[in-house]
Amino acid sequence: MTSMSFLSAISFIGYAVEVVGVIIILLGMGKATVAYIRRYIHSPDTDRYHIFRREMGRAMANRKYKPPLFEQRIRSNR
């Protein structure tokens, strides 16, 4: 393997990792947006915008979604 082909392979691998990362972030943002729309339709009394912002931040940080504590309380009271 020549030096140039090795550098090309490393460059390609780096590019592929970046593309996968962007796809994961976009999927998380899409999931947060769908959850926001559902929440907007079904529960107009909650603090939808701040929950949406938190979910978008989690999507960008690649963290798994965990509902806020007050939202868990609302669900358990139903």
PDB file of N, CA and C in Angstrom:
ATOM      1  N   MET A   1       0.846  -1.174   0.000  1.00  0.00           N
ATOM      2  CA  MET A   1       0.000   0.000   0.000  1.00  0.00           C
ATOM      3  C   MET A   1       0.888   1.233   0.000  1.00  0.00           C
ATOM      4  N   THR A   2       0.669   2.100  -0.936  1.00  0.00           N
ATOM      5  CA  THR A   2       1.492   3.299  -1.026  1.00  0.00           C
ATOM      6  C   THR A   2       1.042   4.338  -0.012  1.00  0.00           C
ATOM      7  N   SER A   3       1.902   5.305   0.172  1.00  0.00           N
ATOM      8  CA  SER A   3       1.623   6.363   1.142  1.00  0.00           C
ATOM      9  C   SER A   3       0.372   7.151   0.751  1.00  0.00           C
ATOM     10  N   MET A   4       0.210   7.399  -0.533  1.00  0.00           N
ATOM     11  CA  MET A   4      -0.939   8.182  -1.000  1.00  0.00           C
ATOM     12  C   MET A   4      -2.237   7.406  -0.829  1.00  0.00           C
ATOM     13  N   SER A   5      -2.249   6.116  -1.105  1.00  0.00           N
ATOM     14  CA  SER A   5      -3.480   5.350  -0.967  1.00  0.00           C
ATOM     15  C   SER A   5      -3.845   5.179   0.517  1.00  0.00           C
ATOM     16  N   PHE A   6      -2.821   5.098   1.385  1.00  0.00           N
ATOM     17  CA  PHE A   6      -3.074   5.012   2.823  1.00  0.00           C
ATOM     18  C   PHE A   6      -3.743   6.294   3.314  1.00  0.00           C
ATOM     19  N   LEU A   7      -3.232   7.437   2.880  1.00  0.00           N
ATOM     20  CA  LEU A   7      -3.829   8.714   3.269  1.00  0.00           C
ATOM     21  C   LEU A   7      -5.239   8.855   2.708  1.00  0.00           C
ATOM     22  N   SER A   8      -5.450   8.365   1.508  1.00  0.00           N
ATOM     23  CA  SER A   8      -6.792   8.399   0.925  1.00  0.00           C
ATOM     24  C   SER A   8      -7.758   7.528   1.714  1.00  0.00           C
ATOM     25  N   ALA A   9      -7.299   6.374   2.151  1.00  0.00           N
ATOM     26  CA  ALA A   9      -8.150   5.472   2.934  1.00  0.00           C
ATOM     27  C   ALA A   9      -8.502   6.100   4.274  1.00  0.00           C
ATOM     28  N   ILE A  10      -7.537   6.706   4.944  1.00  0.00           N
ATOM     29  CA  ILE A  10      -7.781   7.378   6.229  1.00  0.00           C
ATOM     30  C   ILE A  10      -8.749   8.533   6.032  1.00  0.00           C
ATOM     31  N   SER A  11      -8.555   9.286   4.964  1.00  0.00           N
ATOM     32  CA  SER A  11      -9.447  10.406   4.673  1.00  0.00           C
ATOM     33  C   SER A  11     -10.875   9.918   4.430  1.00  0.00           C
ATOM     34  N   PHE A  12     -11.011   8.831   3.684  1.00  0.00           N
ATOM     35  CA  PHE A  12     -12.336   8.271   3.404  1.00  0.00           C
ATOM     36  C   PHE A  12     -13.011   7.788   4.692  1.00  0.00           C
ATOM     37  N   ILE A  13     -12.257   7.124   5.557  1.00  0.00           N
ATOM     38  CA  ILE A  13     -12.805   6.624   6.823  1.00  0.00           C
ATOM     39  C   ILE A  13     -13.263   7.802   7.695  1.00  0.00           C
ATOM     40  N   GLY A  14     -12.458   8.842   7.761  1.00  0.00           N
ATOM     41  CA  GLY A  14     -12.838  10.032   8.527  1.00  0.00           C
ATOM     42  C   GLY A  14     -14.100  10.668   7.991  1.00  0.00           C
ATOM     43  N   TYR A  15     -14.193  10.758   6.678  1.00  0.00           N
ATOM     44  CA  TYR A  15     -15.381  11.322   6.032  1.00  0.00           C
ATOM     45  C   TYR A  15     -16.614  10.456   6.331  1.00  0.00           C
ATOM     46  N   ALA A  16     -16.457   9.154   6.259  1.00  0.00           N
ATOM     47  CA  ALA A  16     -17.577   8.247   6.530  1.00  0.00           C
ATOM     48  C   ALA A  16     -18.060   8.380   7.972  1.00  0.00           C
ATOM     49  N   VAL A  17     -17.136   8.503   8.909  1.00  0.00           N
ATOM     50  CA  VAL A  17     -17.507   8.677  10.319  1.00  0.00           C
ATOM     51  C   VAL A  17     -18.275   9.983  10.504  1.00  0.00           C
ATOM     52  N   GLU A  18     -17.841  11.039   9.861  1.00  0.00           N
ATOM     53  CA  GLU A  18     -18.545  12.321   9.945  1.00  0.00           C
ATOM     54  C   GLU A  18     -19.948  12.219   9.372  1.00  0.00           C
ATOM     55  N   VAL A  19     -20.100  11.545   8.249  1.00  0.00           N
ATOM     56  CA  VAL A  19     -21.413  11.391   7.622  1.00  0.00           C
ATOM     57  C   VAL A  19     -22.348  10.606   8.533  1.00  0.00           C
ATOM     58  N   VAL A  20     -21.856   9.540   9.127  1.00  0.00           N
ATOM     59  CA  VAL A  20     -22.677   8.748  10.051  1.00  0.00           C
ATOM     60  C   VAL A  20     -23.095   9.608  11.245  1.00  0.00           C
ATOM     61  N   GLY A  21     -22.187  10.408  11.768  1.00  0.00           N
ATOM     62  CA  GLY A  21     -22.508  11.292  12.891  1.00  0.00           C
ATOM     63  C   GLY A  21     -23.589  12.296  12.536  1.00  0.00           C
ATOM     64  N   VAL A  22     -23.495  12.881  11.360  1.00  0.00           N
ATOM     65  CA  VAL A  22     -24.509  13.845  10.916  1.00  0.00           C
ATOM     66  C   VAL A  22     -25.860  13.154  10.749  1.00  0.00           C
ATOM     67  N   ILE A  23     -25.872  11.955  10.209  1.00  0.00           N
ATOM     68  CA  ILE A  23     -27.120  11.211  10.042  1.00  0.00           C
ATOM     69  C   ILE A  23     -27.758  10.919  11.396  1.00  0.00           C
ATOM     70  N   ILE A  24     -26.959  10.522  12.370  1.00  0.00           N
ATOM     71  CA  ILE A  24     -27.487  10.246  13.710  1.00  0.00           C
ATOM     72  C   ILE A  24     -28.092  11.506  14.317  1.00  0.00           C
ATOM     73  N   ILE A  25     -27.412  12.624  14.174  1.00  0.00           N
ATOM     74  CA  ILE A  25     -27.931  13.889  14.702  1.00  0.00           C
ATOM     75  C   ILE A  25     -29.235  14.270  14.001  1.00  0.00           C
ATOM     76  N   LEU A  26     -29.282  14.140  12.694  1.00  0.00           N
ATOM     77  CA  LEU A  26     -30.506  14.479  11.952  1.00  0.00           C
ATOM     78  C   LEU A  26     -31.671  13.575  12.341  1.00  0.00           C
ATOM     79  N   LEU A  27     -31.412  12.295  12.550  1.00  0.00           N
ATOM     80  CA  LEU A  27     -32.476  11.387  12.994  1.00  0.00           C
ATOM     81  C   LEU A  27     -32.990  11.788  14.381  1.00  0.00           C
ATOM     82  N   GLY A  28     -32.084  12.143  15.275  1.00  0.00           N
ATOM     83  CA  GLY A  28     -32.493  12.594  16.603  1.00  0.00           C
ATOM     84  C   GLY A  28     -33.299  13.871  16.548  1.00  0.00           C
ATOM     85  N   MET A  29     -32.900  14.791  15.693  1.00  0.00           N
ATOM     86  CA  MET A  29     -33.649  16.035  15.544  1.00  0.00           C
ATOM     87  C   MET A  29     -35.026  15.771  14.940  1.00  0.00           C
ATOM     88  N   GLY A  30     -35.090  14.848  13.989  1.00  0.00           N
ATOM     89  CA  GLY A  30     -36.386  14.483  13.406  1.00  0.00           C
ATOM     90  C   GLY A  30     -37.298  13.858  14.445  1.00  0.00           C
ATOM     91  N   LYS A  31     -36.734  13.005  15.281  1.00  0.00           N
ATOM     92  CA  LYS A  31     -37.507  12.367  16.348  1.00  0.00           C
ATOM     93  C   LYS A  31     -38.027  13.419  17.327  1.00  0.00           C
ATOM     94  N   ALA A  32     -37.182  14.382  17.696  1.00  0.00           N
ATOM     95  CA  ALA A  32     -37.603  15.453  18.601  1.00  0.00           C
ATOM     96  C   ALA A  32     -38.704  16.296  17.976  1.00  0.00           C
ATOM     97  N   THR A  33     -38.608  16.546  16.675  1.00  0.00           N
ATOM     98  CA  THR A  33     -39.624  17.345  15.992  1.00  0.00           C
ATOM     99  C   THR A  33     -40.954  16.612  15.940  1.00  0.00           C
ATOM    100  N   VAL A  34     -40.928  15.324  15.655  1.00  0.00           N
ATOM    101  CA  VAL A  34     -42.168  14.532  15.637  1.00  0.00           C
ATOM    102  C   VAL A  34     -42.792  14.502  17.026  1.00  0.00           C
ATOM    103  N   ALA A  35     -41.977  14.327  18.065  1.00  0.00           N
ATOM    104  CA  ALA A  35     -42.496  14.327  19.436  1.00  0.00           C
ATOM    105  C   ALA A  35     -43.109  15.683  19.775  1.00  0.00           C
ATOM    106  N   TYR A  36     -42.485  16.769  19.320  1.00  0.00           N
ATOM    107  CA  TYR A  36     -43.021  18.112  19.556  1.00  0.00           C
ATOM    108  C   TYR A  36     -44.376  18.285  18.880  1.00  0.00           C
ATOM    109  N   ILE A  37     -44.489  17.835  17.646  1.00  0.00           N
ATOM    110  CA  ILE A  37     -45.765  17.965  16.923  1.00  0.00           C
ATOM    111  C   ILE A  37     -46.847  17.155  17.620  1.00  0.00           C
ATOM    112  N   ARG A  38     -46.531  15.946  18.030  1.00  0.00           N
ATOM    113  CA  ARG A  38     -47.519  15.126  18.757  1.00  0.00           C
ATOM    114  C   ARG A  38     -47.933  15.805  20.055  1.00  0.00           C
ATOM    115  N   ARG A  39     -46.961  16.336  20.776  1.00  0.00           N
ATOM    116  CA  ARG A  39     -47.257  17.007  22.037  1.00  0.00           C
ATOM    117  C   ARG A  39     -48.099  18.251  21.786  1.00  0.00           C
ATOM    118  N   TYR A  40     -47.826  18.963  20.707  1.00  0.00           N
ATOM    119  CA  TYR A  40     -48.579  20.173  20.354  1.00  0.00           C
ATOM    120  C   TYR A  40     -50.038  19.834  20.078  1.00  0.00           C
ATOM    121  N   ILE A  41     -50.283  18.716  19.416  1.00  0.00           N
ATOM    122  CA  ILE A  41     -51.647  18.309  19.068  1.00  0.00           C
ATOM    123  C   ILE A  41     -52.403  17.791  20.279  1.00  0.00           C
ATOM    124  N   HIS A  42     -51.740  16.969  21.094  1.00  0.00           N
ATOM    125  CA  HIS A  42     -52.447  16.234  22.141  1.00  0.00           C
ATOM    126  C   HIS A  42     -52.465  16.907  23.509  1.00  0.00           C
ATOM    127  N   SER A  43     -51.516  17.732  23.843  1.00  0.00           N
ATOM    128  CA  SER A  43     -51.493  18.318  25.188  1.00  0.00           C
ATOM    129  C   SER A  43     -51.085  19.784  25.112  1.00  0.00           C
ATOM    130  N   PRO A  44     -52.058  20.651  24.893  1.00  0.00           N
ATOM    131  CA  PRO A  44     -51.737  22.068  24.723  1.00  0.00           C
ATOM    132  C   PRO A  44     -51.292  22.769  26.008  1.00  0.00           C
ATOM    133  N   ASP A  45     -51.424  22.138  27.183  1.00  0.00           N
ATOM    134  CA  ASP A  45     -51.107  22.811  28.439  1.00  0.00           C
ATOM    135  C   ASP A  45     -49.652  22.682  28.863  1.00  0.00           C
ATOM    136  N   THR A  46     -48.885  21.789  28.272  1.00  0.00           N
ATOM    137  CA  THR A  46     -47.509  21.582  28.709  1.00  0.00           C
ATOM    138  C   THR A  46     -46.578  22.654  28.141  1.00  0.00           C
ATOM    139  N   ASP A  47     -45.395  22.710  28.684  1.00  0.00           N
ATOM    140  CA  ASP A  47     -44.372  23.653  28.239  1.00  0.00           C
ATOM    141  C   ASP A  47     -43.641  23.044  27.044  1.00  0.00           C
ATOM    142  N   ARG A  48     -44.299  23.013  25.913  1.00  0.00           N
ATOM    143  CA  ARG A  48     -43.818  22.280  24.739  1.00  0.00           C
ATOM    144  C   ARG A  48     -42.489  22.802  24.206  1.00  0.00           C
ATOM    145  N   TYR A  49     -42.340  24.109  24.127  1.00  0.00           N
ATOM    146  CA  TYR A  49     -41.142  24.664  23.504  1.00  0.00           C
ATOM    147  C   TYR A  49     -39.873  24.299  24.272  1.00  0.00           C
ATOM    148  N   HIS A  50     -39.907  24.427  25.596  1.00  0.00           N
ATOM    149  CA  HIS A  50     -38.715  24.123  26.378  1.00  0.00           C
ATOM    150  C   HIS A  50     -38.387  22.636  26.338  1.00  0.00           C
ATOM    151  N   ILE A  51     -39.404  21.792  26.310  1.00  0.00           N
ATOM    152  CA  ILE A  51     -39.166  20.351  26.170  1.00  0.00           C
ATOM    153  C   ILE A  51     -38.546  20.069  24.799  1.00  0.00           C
ATOM    154  N   PHE A  52     -39.063  20.726  23.760  1.00  0.00           N
ATOM    155  CA  PHE A  52     -38.536  20.561  22.401  1.00  0.00           C
ATOM    156  C   PHE A  52     -37.068  20.984  22.339  1.00  0.00           C
ATOM    157  N   ARG A  53     -36.758  22.121  22.955  1.00  0.00           N
ATOM    158  CA  ARG A  53     -35.365  22.585  22.969  1.00  0.00           C
ATOM    159  C   ARG A  53     -34.452  21.597  23.669  1.00  0.00           C
ATOM    160  N   ARG A  54     -34.923  21.055  24.776  1.00  0.00           N
ATOM    161  CA  ARG A  54     -34.125  20.071  25.525  1.00  0.00           C
ATOM    162  C   ARG A  54     -33.905  18.821  24.680  1.00  0.00           C
ATOM    163  N   GLU A  55     -34.953  18.357  24.005  1.00  0.00           N
ATOM    164  CA  GLU A  55     -34.835  17.157  23.167  1.00  0.00           C
ATOM    165  C   GLU A  55     -33.891  17.396  21.998  1.00  0.00           C
ATOM    166  N   MET A  56     -33.935  18.581  21.412  1.00  0.00           N
ATOM    167  CA  MET A  56     -33.025  18.890  20.308  1.00  0.00           C
ATOM    168  C   MET A  56     -31.576  18.892  20.801  1.00  0.00           C
ATOM    169  N   GLY A  57     -31.339  19.453  21.974  1.00  0.00           N
ATOM    170  CA  GLY A  57     -29.996  19.445  22.552  1.00  0.00           C
ATOM    171  C   GLY A  57     -29.511  18.033  22.811  1.00  0.00           C
ATOM    172  N   ARG A  58     -30.411  17.180  23.291  1.00  0.00           N
ATOM    173  CA  ARG A  58     -30.035  15.787  23.518  1.00  0.00           C
ATOM    174  C   ARG A  58     -29.740  15.081  22.202  1.00  0.00           C
ATOM    175  N   ALA A  59     -30.493  15.412  21.172  1.00  0.00           N
ATOM    176  CA  ALA A  59     -30.233  14.802  19.866  1.00  0.00           C
ATOM    177  C   ALA A  59     -28.853  15.206  19.356  1.00  0.00           C
ATOM    178  N   MET A  60     -28.505  16.464  19.566  1.00  0.00           N
ATOM    179  CA  MET A  60     -27.197  16.930  19.100  1.00  0.00           C
ATOM    180  C   MET A  60     -26.065  16.367  19.942  1.00  0.00           C
ATOM    181  N   ALA A  61     -26.346  16.051  21.198  1.00  0.00           N
ATOM    182  CA  ALA A  61     -25.321  15.473  22.068  1.00  0.00           C
ATOM    183  C   ALA A  61     -25.359  13.943  22.008  1.00  0.00           C
ATOM    184  N   ASN A  62     -26.252  13.396  21.184  1.00  0.00           N
ATOM    185  CA  ASN A  62     -26.418  11.949  21.012  1.00  0.00           C
ATOM    186  C   ASN A  62     -26.748  11.238  22.314  1.00  0.00           C
ATOM    187  N   ARG A  63     -27.601  11.846  23.123  1.00  0.00           N
ATOM    188  CA  ARG A  63     -28.058  11.209  24.357  1.00  0.00           C
ATOM    189  C   ARG A  63     -29.435  10.626  24.134  1.00  0.00           C
ATOM    190  N   LYS A  64     -29.720   9.549  24.808  1.00  0.00           N
ATOM    191  CA  LYS A  64     -31.025   8.929  24.698  1.00  0.00           C
ATOM    192  C   LYS A  64     -32.060   9.809  25.404  1.00  0.00           C
ATOM    193  N   TYR A  65     -33.247   9.914  24.815  1.00  0.00           N
ATOM    194  CA  TYR A  65     -34.296  10.757  25.367  1.00  0.00           C
ATOM    195  C   TYR A  65     -34.825  10.197  26.676  1.00  0.00           C
ATOM    196  N   LYS A  66     -34.917  11.070  27.667  1.00  0.00           N
ATOM    197  CA  LYS A  66     -35.528  10.725  28.947  1.00  0.00           C
ATOM    198  C   LYS A  66     -36.525  11.830  29.252  1.00  0.00           C
ATOM    199  N   PRO A  67     -37.807  11.504  29.412  1.00  0.00           N
ATOM    200  CA  PRO A  67     -38.794  12.568  29.642  1.00  0.00           C
ATOM    201  C   PRO A  67     -38.502  13.330  30.925  1.00  0.00           C
ATOM    202  N   PRO A  68     -38.787  14.627  30.941  1.00  0.00           N
ATOM    203  CA  PRO A  68     -38.601  15.403  32.164  1.00  0.00           C
ATOM    204  C   PRO A  68     -39.467  14.859  33.294  1.00  0.00           C
ATOM    205  N   LEU A  69     -39.071  15.131  34.521  1.00  0.00           N
ATOM    206  CA  LEU A  69     -39.749  14.583  35.689  1.00  0.00           C
ATOM    207  C   LEU A  69     -41.221  14.972  35.727  1.00  0.00           C
ATOM    208  N   PHE A  70     -41.541  16.257  35.439  1.00  0.00           N
ATOM    209  CA  PHE A  70     -42.939  16.661  35.517  1.00  0.00           C
ATOM    210  C   PHE A  70     -43.779  15.962  34.445  1.00  0.00           C
ATOM    211  N   GLU A  71     -43.175  15.638  33.313  1.00  0.00           N
ATOM    212  CA  GLU A  71     -43.899  14.922  32.262  1.00  0.00           C
ATOM    213  C   GLU A  71     -44.166  13.482  32.704  1.00  0.00           C
ATOM    214  N   GLN A  72     -43.240  12.881  33.435  1.00  0.00           N
ATOM    215  CA  GLN A  72     -43.452  11.535  33.963  1.00  0.00           C
ATOM    216  C   GLN A  72     -44.596  11.548  34.972  1.00  0.00           C
ATOM    217  N   ARG A  73     -44.683  12.613  35.774  1.00  0.00           N
ATOM    218  CA  ARG A  73     -45.770  12.731  36.752  1.00  0.00           C
ATOM    219  C   ARG A  73     -47.117  12.843  36.049  1.00  0.00           C
ATOM    220  N   ILE A  74     -47.166  13.624  34.968  1.00  0.00           N
ATOM    221  CA  ILE A  74     -48.416  13.790  34.226  1.00  0.00           C
ATOM    222  C   ILE A  74     -48.874  12.442  33.692  1.00  0.00           C
ATOM    223  N   ARG A  75     -47.954  11.664  33.142  1.00  0.00           N
ATOM    224  CA  ARG A  75     -48.302  10.359  32.580  1.00  0.00           C
ATOM    225  C   ARG A  75     -48.770   9.386  33.674  1.00  0.00           C
ATOM    226  N   SER A  76     -48.161   9.451  34.857  1.00  0.00           N
ATOM    227  CA  SER A  76     -48.526   8.507  35.914  1.00  0.00           C
ATOM    228  C   SER A  76     -49.866   8.863  36.549  1.00  0.00           C
ATOM    229  N   ASN A  77     -50.312  10.123  36.414  1.00  0.00           N
ATOM    230  CA  ASN A  77     -51.598  10.525  36.996  1.00  0.00           C
ATOM    231  C   ASN A  77     -52.786  10.204  36.102  1.00  0.00           C
ATOM    232  N   ARG A  78     -52.541   9.743  34.911  1.00  0.00           N
ATOM    233  CA  ARG A  78     -53.643   9.447  33.976  1.00  0.00           C
ATOM    234  C   ARG A  78     -54.218   8.104  34.234  1.00  0.00           C
TER     235      ARG A  78
END
